[in-house]
PDB file of N, CA and C in Angstrom:
ATOM      1  N   MET A   1     -18.018  34.984  76.987  1.00  0.00           N
ATOM      2  CA  MET A   1     -18.465  34.935  78.345  1.00  0.00           C
ATOM      3  C   MET A   1     -18.644  36.333  78.859  1.00  0.00           C
ATOM      4  N   PRO A   2     -19.740  36.712  79.256  1.00  0.00           N
ATOM      5  CA  PRO A   2     -20.989  35.980  79.217  1.00  0.00           C
ATOM      6  C   PRO A   2     -21.732  36.150  77.890  1.00  0.00           C
ATOM      7  N   HIS A   3     -22.663  35.237  77.659  1.00  0.00           N
ATOM      8  CA  HIS A   3     -23.539  35.345  76.491  1.00  0.00           C
ATOM      9  C   HIS A   3     -24.959  35.535  77.005  1.00  0.00           C
ATOM     10  N   ILE A   4     -25.625  36.575  76.530  1.00  0.00           N
ATOM     11  CA  ILE A   4     -26.978  36.900  76.953  1.00  0.00           C
ATOM     12  C   ILE A   4     -27.923  36.633  75.785  1.00  0.00           C
ATOM     13  N   VAL A   5     -29.056  36.003  76.067  1.00  0.00           N
ATOM     14  CA  VAL A   5     -30.060  35.730  75.044  1.00  0.00           C
ATOM     15  C   VAL A   5     -31.323  36.513  75.401  1.00  0.00           C
ATOM     16  N   ILE A   6     -31.786  37.315  74.457  1.00  0.00           N
ATOM     17  CA  ILE A   6     -33.047  38.028  74.610  1.00  0.00           C
ATOM     18  C   ILE A   6     -34.093  37.237  73.844  1.00  0.00           C
ATOM     19  N   LYS A   7     -35.081  36.721  74.561  1.00  0.00           N
ATOM     20  CA  LYS A   7     -36.203  36.017  73.927  1.00  0.00           C
ATOM     21  C   LYS A   7     -37.383  36.971  74.000  1.00  0.00           C
ATOM     22  N   THR A   8     -37.977  37.294  72.859  1.00  0.00           N
ATOM     23  CA  THR A   8     -39.046  38.273  72.830  1.00  0.00           C
ATOM     24  C   THR A   8     -40.073  37.943  71.765  1.00  0.00           C
ATOM     25  N   LEU A   9     -41.258  38.498  71.940  1.00  0.00           N
ATOM     26  CA  LEU A   9     -42.251  38.404  70.878  1.00  0.00           C
ATOM     27  C   LEU A   9     -41.759  39.218  69.695  1.00  0.00           C
ATOM     28  N   SER A  10     -42.062  38.782  68.506  1.00  0.00           N
ATOM     29  CA  SER A  10     -41.707  39.537  67.306  1.00  0.00           C
ATOM     30  C   SER A  10     -42.372  40.901  67.363  1.00  0.00           C
ATOM     31  N   GLY A  11     -41.706  41.891  66.795  1.00  0.00           N
ATOM     32  CA  GLY A  11     -42.315  43.210  66.756  1.00  0.00           C
ATOM     33  C   GLY A  11     -41.338  44.360  66.849  1.00  0.00           C
ATOM     34  N   PRO A  12     -40.384  44.314  67.798  1.00  0.00           N
ATOM     35  CA  PRO A  12     -39.444  45.426  67.872  1.00  0.00           C
ATOM     36  C   PRO A  12     -38.636  45.544  66.575  1.00  0.00           C
ATOM     37  N   SER A  13     -38.286  46.767  66.240  1.00  0.00           N
ATOM     38  CA  SER A  13     -37.489  46.990  65.034  1.00  0.00           C
ATOM     39  C   SER A  13     -36.055  46.516  65.249  1.00  0.00           C
ATOM     40  N   GLU A  14     -35.347  46.363  64.149  1.00  0.00           N
ATOM     41  CA  GLU A  14     -33.930  45.984  64.215  1.00  0.00           C
ATOM     42  C   GLU A  14     -33.147  47.016  65.037  1.00  0.00           C
ATOM     43  N   THR A  15     -33.476  48.277  64.854  1.00  0.00           N
ATOM     44  CA  THR A  15     -32.806  49.356  65.599  1.00  0.00           C
ATOM     45  C   THR A  15     -33.071  49.213  67.094  1.00  0.00           C
ATOM     46  N   GLN A  16     -34.298  48.936  67.470  1.00  0.00           N
ATOM     47  CA  GLN A  16     -34.630  48.765  68.886  1.00  0.00           C
ATOM     48  C   GLN A  16     -33.903  47.569  69.487  1.00  0.00           C
ATOM     49  N   LEU A  17     -33.854  46.477  68.759  1.00  0.00           N
ATOM     50  CA  LEU A  17     -33.182  45.278  69.261  1.00  0.00           C
ATOM     51  C   LEU A  17     -31.683  45.515  69.428  1.00  0.00           C
ATOM     52  N   LYS A  18     -31.076  46.183  68.472  1.00  0.00           N
ATOM     53  CA  LYS A  18     -29.642  46.482  68.573  1.00  0.00           C
ATOM     54  C   LYS A  18     -29.353  47.411  69.748  1.00  0.00           C
ATOM     55  N   GLU A  19     -30.229  48.395  69.950  1.00  0.00           N
ATOM     56  CA  GLU A  19     -30.045  49.314  71.075  1.00  0.00           C
ATOM     57  C   GLU A  19     -30.203  48.590  72.404  1.00  0.00           C
ATOM     58  N   ALA A  20     -31.187  47.703  72.503  1.00  0.00           N
ATOM     59  CA  ALA A  20     -31.367  46.918  73.728  1.00  0.00           C
ATOM     60  C   ALA A  20     -30.126  46.064  73.998  1.00  0.00           C
ATOM     61  N   ALA A  21     -29.623  45.400  72.972  1.00  0.00           N
ATOM     62  CA  ALA A  21     -28.428  44.561  73.126  1.00  0.00           C
ATOM     63  C   ALA A  21     -27.231  45.400  73.564  1.00  0.00           C
ATOM     64  N   LYS A  22     -27.080  46.563  72.966  1.00  0.00           N
ATOM     65  CA  LYS A  22     -25.973  47.462  73.314  1.00  0.00           C
ATOM     66  C   LYS A  22     -26.061  47.899  74.776  1.00  0.00           C
ATOM     67  N   GLN A  23     -27.259  48.264  75.217  1.00  0.00           N
ATOM     68  CA  GLN A  23     -27.429  48.713  76.599  1.00  0.00           C
ATOM     69  C   GLN A  23     -27.247  47.570  77.590  1.00  0.00           C
ATOM     70  N   ILE A  24     -27.727  46.393  77.248  1.00  0.00           N
ATOM     71  CA  ILE A  24     -27.534  45.233  78.122  1.00  0.00           C
ATOM     72  C   ILE A  24     -26.045  44.922  78.253  1.00  0.00           C
ATOM     73  N   SER A  25     -25.328  44.978  77.152  1.00  0.00           N
ATOM     74  CA  SER A  25     -23.883  44.752  77.184  1.00  0.00           C
ATOM     75  C   SER A  25     -23.192  45.765  78.099  1.00  0.00           C
ATOM     76  N   ALA A  26     -23.594  47.014  78.002  1.00  0.00           N
ATOM     77  CA  ALA A  26     -22.995  48.060  78.841  1.00  0.00           C
ATOM     78  C   ALA A  26     -23.289  47.816  80.323  1.00  0.00           C
ATOM     79  N   VAL A  27     -24.497  47.362  80.637  1.00  0.00           N
ATOM     80  CA  VAL A  27     -24.855  47.081  82.026  1.00  0.00           C
ATOM     81  C   VAL A  27     -24.027  45.909  82.569  1.00  0.00           C
ATOM     82  N   ILE A  28     -23.873  44.873  81.768  1.00  0.00           N
ATOM     83  CA  ILE A  28     -23.054  43.726  82.192  1.00  0.00           C
ATOM     84  C   ILE A  28     -21.611  44.176  82.434  1.00  0.00           C
ATOM     85  N   ASN A  29     -21.122  45.005  81.540  1.00  0.00           N
ATOM     86  CA  ASN A  29     -19.768  45.547  81.703  1.00  0.00           C
ATOM     87  C   ASN A  29     -19.651  46.307  83.013  1.00  0.00           C
ATOM     88  N   LYS A  30     -20.589  47.176  83.274  1.00  0.00           N
ATOM     89  CA  LYS A  30     -20.536  48.040  84.459  1.00  0.00           C
ATOM     90  C   LYS A  30     -20.773  47.269  85.756  1.00  0.00           C
ATOM     91  N   THR A  31     -21.794  46.418  85.792  1.00  0.00           N
ATOM     92  CA  THR A  31     -22.159  45.774  87.050  1.00  0.00           C
ATOM     93  C   THR A  31     -21.362  44.513  87.364  1.00  0.00           C
ATOM     94  N   LEU A  32     -20.950  43.791  86.346  1.00  0.00           N
ATOM     95  CA  LEU A  32     -20.194  42.552  86.577  1.00  0.00           C
ATOM     96  C   LEU A  32     -18.708  42.703  86.273  1.00  0.00           C
ATOM     97  N   GLY A  33     -18.345  43.847  85.702  1.00  0.00           N
ATOM     98  CA  GLY A  33     -16.937  44.089  85.410  1.00  0.00           C
ATOM     99  C   GLY A  33     -16.376  43.254  84.275  1.00  0.00           C
ATOM    100  N   LYS A  34     -17.246  42.804  83.402  1.00  0.00           N
ATOM    101  CA  LYS A  34     -16.785  42.002  82.258  1.00  0.00           C
ATOM    102  C   LYS A  34     -16.481  42.936  81.091  1.00  0.00           C
ATOM    103  N   PRO A  35     -15.291  42.835  80.500  1.00  0.00           N
ATOM    104  CA  PRO A  35     -14.962  43.681  79.347  1.00  0.00           C
ATOM    105  C   PRO A  35     -15.941  43.435  78.196  1.00  0.00           C
ATOM    106  N   GLU A  36     -16.370  44.511  77.548  1.00  0.00           N
ATOM    107  CA  GLU A  36     -17.357  44.390  76.476  1.00  0.00           C
ATOM    108  C   GLU A  36     -16.887  43.481  75.342  1.00  0.00           C
ATOM    109  N   LYS A  37     -15.582  43.354  75.159  1.00  0.00           N
ATOM    110  CA  LYS A  37     -15.102  42.491  74.072  1.00  0.00           C
ATOM    111  C   LYS A  37     -15.388  41.009  74.342  1.00  0.00           C
ATOM    112  N   TYR A  38     -15.748  40.689  75.580  1.00  0.00           N
ATOM    113  CA  TYR A  38     -16.078  39.305  75.926  1.00  0.00           C
ATOM    114  C   TYR A  38     -17.581  39.052  75.999  1.00  0.00           C
ATOM    115  N   ILE A  39     -18.383  40.075  75.829  1.00  0.00           N
ATOM    116  CA  ILE A  39     -19.832  39.959  75.979  1.00  0.00           C
ATOM    117  C   ILE A  39     -20.480  39.767  74.612  1.00  0.00           C
ATOM    118  N   SER A  40     -21.379  38.801  74.532  1.00  0.00           N
ATOM    119  CA  SER A  40     -22.164  38.619  73.302  1.00  0.00           C
ATOM    120  C   SER A  40     -23.641  38.603  73.678  1.00  0.00           C
ATOM    121  N   VAL A  41     -24.451  39.110  72.761  1.00  0.00           N
ATOM    122  CA  VAL A  41     -25.897  39.183  72.973  1.00  0.00           C
ATOM    123  C   VAL A  41     -26.584  38.701  71.706  1.00  0.00           C
ATOM    124  N   SER A  42     -27.520  37.793  71.857  1.00  0.00           N
ATOM    125  CA  SER A  42     -28.307  37.353  70.709  1.00  0.00           C
ATOM    126  C   SER A  42     -29.786  37.608  70.979  1.00  0.00           C
ATOM    127  N   VAL A  43     -30.568  37.635  69.905  1.00  0.00           N
ATOM    128  CA  VAL A  43     -32.001  37.883  70.007  1.00  0.00           C
ATOM    129  C   VAL A  43     -32.737  36.740  69.323  1.00  0.00           C
ATOM    130  N   GLU A  44     -33.739  36.229  69.999  1.00  0.00           N
ATOM    131  CA  GLU A  44     -34.612  35.205  69.436  1.00  0.00           C
ATOM    132  C   GLU A  44     -36.031  35.754  69.483  1.00  0.00           C
ATOM    133  N   GLU A  45     -36.635  35.915  68.312  1.00  0.00           N
ATOM    134  CA  GLU A  45     -37.991  36.429  68.245  1.00  0.00           C
ATOM    135  C   GLU A  45     -38.971  35.280  68.033  1.00  0.00           C
ATOM    136  N   TYR A  46     -40.115  35.377  68.703  1.00  0.00           N
ATOM    137  CA  TYR A  46     -41.124  34.327  68.645  1.00  0.00           C
ATOM    138  C   TYR A  46     -42.478  34.928  68.310  1.00  0.00           C
ATOM    139  N   SER A  47     -43.315  34.128  67.673  1.00  0.00           N
ATOM    140  CA  SER A  47     -44.695  34.534  67.422  1.00  0.00           C
ATOM    141  C   SER A  47     -45.478  34.397  68.724  1.00  0.00           C
ATOM    142  N   PHE A  48     -46.626  35.056  68.779  1.00  0.00           N
ATOM    143  CA  PHE A  48     -47.496  34.941  69.948  1.00  0.00           C
ATOM    144  C   PHE A  48     -47.872  33.479  70.182  1.00  0.00           C
ATOM    145  N   ALA A  49     -48.129  32.758  69.109  1.00  0.00           N
ATOM    146  CA  ALA A  49     -48.527  31.350  69.218  1.00  0.00           C
ATOM    147  C   ALA A  49     -47.421  30.488  69.827  1.00  0.00           C
ATOM    148  N   ASP A  50     -46.167  30.849  69.596  1.00  0.00           N
ATOM    149  CA  ASP A  50     -45.040  30.076  70.111  1.00  0.00           C
ATOM    150  C   ASP A  50     -44.612  30.483  71.514  1.00  0.00           C
ATOM    151  N   TRP A  51     -45.121  31.622  71.996  1.00  0.00           N
ATOM    152  CA  TRP A  51     -44.625  32.154  73.269  1.00  0.00           C
ATOM    153  C   TRP A  51     -44.915  31.240  74.449  1.00  0.00           C
ATOM    154  N   GLU A  52     -46.042  30.540  74.435  1.00  0.00           N
ATOM    155  CA  GLU A  52     -46.371  29.642  75.546  1.00  0.00           C
ATOM    156  C   GLU A  52     -45.267  28.598  75.735  1.00  0.00           C
ATOM    157  N   GLY A  53     -44.753  28.052  74.643  1.00  0.00           N
ATOM    158  CA  GLY A  53     -43.673  27.078  74.732  1.00  0.00           C
ATOM    159  C   GLY A  53     -42.407  27.671  75.314  1.00  0.00           C
ATOM    160  N   VAL A  54     -42.090  28.907  74.916  1.00  0.00           N
ATOM    161  CA  VAL A  54     -40.910  29.593  75.462  1.00  0.00           C
ATOM    162  C   VAL A  54     -41.090  29.792  76.960  1.00  0.00           C
ATOM    163  N   TYR A  55     -42.263  30.293  77.346  1.00  0.00           N
ATOM    164  CA  TYR A  55     -42.559  30.535  78.760  1.00  0.00           C
ATOM    165  C   TYR A  55     -42.432  29.241  79.568  1.00  0.00           C
ATOM    166  N   ASN A  56     -43.043  28.178  79.067  1.00  0.00           N
ATOM    167  CA  ASN A  56     -43.020  26.907  79.804  1.00  0.00           C
ATOM    168  C   ASN A  56     -41.622  26.318  79.907  1.00  0.00           C
ATOM    169  N   GLU A  57     -40.818  26.467  78.867  1.00  0.00           N
ATOM    170  CA  GLU A  57     -39.474  25.876  78.874  1.00  0.00           C
ATOM    171  C   GLU A  57     -38.448  26.711  79.634  1.00  0.00           C
ATOM    172  N   PHE A  58     -38.530  28.028  79.516  1.00  0.00           N
ATOM    173  CA  PHE A  58     -37.455  28.858  80.047  1.00  0.00           C
ATOM    174  C   PHE A  58     -37.823  29.730  81.248  1.00  0.00           C
ATOM    175  N   VAL A  59     -39.109  29.883  81.545  1.00  0.00           N
ATOM    176  CA  VAL A  59     -39.512  30.817  82.600  1.00  0.00           C
ATOM    177  C   VAL A  59     -40.255  30.130  83.743  1.00  0.00           C
ATOM    178  N   LYS A  60     -41.302  29.425  83.417  1.00  0.00           N
ATOM    179  CA  LYS A  60     -42.184  28.840  84.426  1.00  0.00           C
ATOM    180  C   LYS A  60     -41.430  27.913  85.380  1.00  0.00           C
ATOM    181  N   ASP A  61     -41.539  28.220  86.654  1.00  0.00           N
ATOM    182  CA  ASP A  61     -40.966  27.391  87.725  1.00  0.00           C
ATOM    183  C   ASP A  61     -39.447  27.233  87.651  1.00  0.00           C
ATOM    184  N   LYS A  62     -38.756  28.156  86.975  1.00  0.00           N
ATOM    185  CA  LYS A  62     -37.298  28.070  86.871  1.00  0.00           C
ATOM    186  C   LYS A  62     -36.649  28.897  87.981  1.00  0.00           C
ATOM    187  N   GLU A  63     -35.780  28.276  88.742  1.00  0.00           N
ATOM    188  CA  GLU A  63     -35.105  28.963  89.849  1.00  0.00           C
ATOM    189  C   GLU A  63     -34.135  30.030  89.363  1.00  0.00           C
ATOM    190  N   ASN A  64     -33.602  29.892  88.146  1.00  0.00           N
ATOM    191  CA  ASN A  64     -32.625  30.853  87.649  1.00  0.00           C
ATOM    192  C   ASN A  64     -33.259  32.111  87.063  1.00  0.00           C
ATOM    193  N   VAL A  65     -34.593  32.166  87.014  1.00  0.00           N
ATOM    194  CA  VAL A  65     -35.269  33.379  86.552  1.00  0.00           C
ATOM    195  C   VAL A  65     -35.346  34.316  87.757  1.00  0.00           C
ATOM    196  N   ILE A  66     -34.482  35.316  87.773  1.00  0.00           N
ATOM    197  CA  ILE A  66     -34.368  36.212  88.917  1.00  0.00           C
ATOM    198  C   ILE A  66     -35.505  37.223  88.961  1.00  0.00           C
ATOM    199  N   ILE A  67     -35.909  37.739  87.813  1.00  0.00           N
ATOM    200  CA  ILE A  67     -37.040  38.662  87.741  1.00  0.00           C
ATOM    201  C   ILE A  67     -38.181  37.912  87.069  1.00  0.00           C
ATOM    202  N   LYS A  68     -39.199  37.617  87.849  1.00  0.00           N
ATOM    203  CA  LYS A  68     -40.349  36.862  87.339  1.00  0.00           C
ATOM    204  C   LYS A  68     -41.303  37.812  86.609  1.00  0.00           C
ATOM    205  N   PRO A  69     -41.960  37.338  85.554  1.00  0.00           N
ATOM    206  CA  PRO A  69     -42.944  38.184  84.875  1.00  0.00           C
ATOM    207  C   PRO A  69     -44.178  38.379  85.759  1.00  0.00           C
ATOM    208  N   GLY A  70     -44.937  39.409  85.454  1.00  0.00           N
ATOM    209  CA  GLY A  70     -46.139  39.702  86.224  1.00  0.00           C
ATOM    210  C   GLY A  70     -47.352  38.952  85.717  1.00  0.00           C
ATOM    211  N   TYR A  71     -47.147  37.830  85.052  1.00  0.00           N
ATOM    212  CA  TYR A  71     -48.241  36.998  84.568  1.00  0.00           C
ATOM    213  C   TYR A  71     -47.881  35.539  84.768  1.00  0.00           C
ATOM    214  N   THR A  72     -48.900  34.694  84.830  1.00  0.00           N
ATOM    215  CA  THR A  72     -48.663  33.264  84.910  1.00  0.00           C
ATOM    216  C   THR A  72     -49.324  32.524  83.766  1.00  0.00           C
ATOM    217  N   ASN A  73     -50.089  33.242  82.945  1.00  0.00           N
ATOM    218  CA  ASN A  73     -50.748  32.639  81.796  1.00  0.00           C
ATOM    219  C   ASN A  73     -50.171  33.267  80.523  1.00  0.00           C
ATOM    220  N   PRO A  74     -49.296  32.556  79.809  1.00  0.00           N
ATOM    221  CA  PRO A  74     -48.679  33.123  78.618  1.00  0.00           C
ATOM    222  C   PRO A  74     -49.617  33.303  77.419  1.00  0.00           C
ATOM    223  N   LYS A  75     -50.842  32.805  77.543  1.00  0.00           N
ATOM    224  CA  LYS A  75     -51.814  32.994  76.466  1.00  0.00           C
ATOM    225  C   LYS A  75     -52.531  34.339  76.592  1.00  0.00           C
ATOM    226  N   THR A  76     -52.687  34.803  77.830  1.00  0.00           N
ATOM    227  CA  THR A  76     -53.415  36.052  78.065  1.00  0.00           C
ATOM    228  C   THR A  76     -52.555  37.123  78.731  1.00  0.00           C
ATOM    229  N   PHE A  77     -51.381  36.738  79.175  1.00  0.00           N
ATOM    230  CA  PHE A  77     -50.466  37.624  79.908  1.00  0.00           C
ATOM    231  C   PHE A  77     -51.111  38.167  81.182  1.00  0.00           C
ATOM    232  N   GLN A  78     -51.907  37.316  81.817  1.00  0.00           N
ATOM    233  CA  GLN A  78     -52.511  37.666  83.111  1.00  0.00           C
ATOM    234  C   GLN A  78     -52.028  36.720  84.173  1.00  0.00           C
TER     235      GLN A  78
END
């Protein structure tokens, strides 16, 4: 607790993903006061073809998405 899931298009290197997870963990520690030993971060990579499903299931019209993307069409990112 807490567990953070990064859903992203495939492409970033393993090093980049690990660094992102590390920095996200540090931010959660600092801003929410959760000890890092209790924080877990996972990464789920998706193909461009699969991204529309991710967007529709986890982003579109979801009240818990605090920062909305600057696009409404996951096929064109416009």
